[in-house]
Amino acid sequence: MIGAKHYRGKALVVYGHTPVEKPQFRNNTIDIDTGCAMGGKLTALRYPEREIVQVSAKKVYYVRPEIRALSGVN
């Protein structure tokens, strides 16, 4: 989240959209998108404990179009 760098609110913001290697904690925000669809991990946040729980993907469910084009796979 581009706004995480500037966020100063009291409410905890949990989000995902752009995959990261591991959950990112920044300014009372947490990015939990760890790329499950692309073979990474499915990540959840236990609240209010702020405990991260993860399971590995069983397979790759999605390949980004730009990577698919480079690999020659349809």
Protein backbone atom coordinates (compact mmCIF):
# COMPACT_ATOMS: atom_id res chain seq x y z
CA MET A 1 0.00 0.00 0.00
CA ILE A 2 1.56 3.25 -1.10
CA GLY A 3 -0.22 5.07 1.71
CA ALA A 4 1.32 2.86 4.44
CA LYS A 5 4.40 5.06 4.45
CA HIS A 6 2.28 8.08 5.37
CA TYR A 7 -0.47 6.47 7.47
CA ARG A 8 -0.71 7.86 11.01
CA GLY A 9 -4.18 6.69 12.04
CA LYS A 10 -5.07 4.84 15.24
CA ALA A 11 -6.99 2.06 13.49
CA LEU A 12 -4.98 -0.95 12.35
CA VAL A 13 -5.17 -1.33 8.56
CA VAL A 14 -4.70 -4.84 7.14
CA TYR A 15 -4.40 -5.11 3.38
CA GLY A 16 -3.03 -6.98 0.41
CA HIS A 17 -2.93 -6.65 -3.33
CA THR A 18 0.71 -6.55 -4.28
CA PRO A 19 2.50 -9.69 -3.04
CA VAL A 20 5.42 -9.39 -0.64
CA GLU A 21 7.84 -12.11 0.49
CA LYS A 22 6.77 -11.85 4.14
CA PRO A 23 4.13 -9.75 5.94
CA GLN A 24 5.12 -6.09 6.17
CA PHE A 25 4.35 -4.12 9.34
CA ARG A 26 4.53 -0.34 8.83
CA ASN A 27 2.93 2.58 10.68
CA ASN A 28 0.06 0.53 12.14
CA THR A 29 -0.61 -1.17 8.77
CA ILE A 30 0.07 -4.78 7.80
CA ASP A 31 0.43 -6.09 4.24
CA ILE A 32 -0.48 -9.78 4.38
CA ASP A 33 -0.48 -10.56 0.65
CA THR A 34 2.20 -13.24 0.39
CA GLY A 35 1.37 -14.47 -3.09
CA CYS A 36 -0.66 -17.62 -2.46
CA ALA A 37 -2.16 -17.56 -5.96
CA MET A 38 1.35 -17.52 -7.41
CA GLY A 39 2.62 -20.41 -5.29
CA GLY A 40 3.56 -18.42 -2.18
CA LYS A 41 1.74 -18.58 1.13
CA LEU A 42 -1.77 -17.84 2.33
CA THR A 43 -1.41 -15.45 5.24
CA ALA A 44 -3.91 -14.52 7.94
CA LEU A 45 -3.70 -12.16 10.88
CA ARG A 46 -5.12 -13.26 14.23
CA TYR A 47 -6.55 -10.18 15.87
CA PRO A 48 -6.20 -8.72 18.46
CA GLU A 49 -3.14 -10.88 19.12
CA ARG A 50 -1.46 -9.62 15.91
CA GLU A 51 -0.25 -13.15 15.29
CA ILE A 52 0.58 -14.13 11.72
CA VAL A 53 -0.60 -17.58 10.56
CA GLN A 54 0.53 -19.02 7.22
CA VAL A 55 0.10 -22.10 5.06
CA SER A 56 1.97 -22.82 1.84
CA ALA A 57 0.12 -22.96 -1.46
CA LYS A 58 -0.33 -26.48 -2.80
CA LYS A 59 0.35 -25.31 -6.35
CA VAL A 60 0.66 -22.25 -8.57
CA TYR A 61 -2.85 -21.04 -9.37
CA TYR A 62 -1.95 -17.96 -11.40
CA VAL A 63 0.97 -16.84 -13.56
CA ARG A 64 1.25 -13.13 -14.32
CA PRO A 65 0.74 -12.39 -18.03
CA GLU A 66 4.18 -10.77 -18.42
CA ILE A 67 5.87 -13.87 -16.98
CA ARG A 68 3.73 -16.17 -19.11
CA ALA A 69 4.78 -14.22 -22.22
CA LEU A 70 8.46 -14.49 -21.31
CA SER A 71 8.21 -18.23 -20.67
CA GLY A 72 6.32 -18.98 -23.89
CA VAL A 73 3.58 -20.79 -21.93
CA ASN A 74 -0.05 -20.10 -22.93
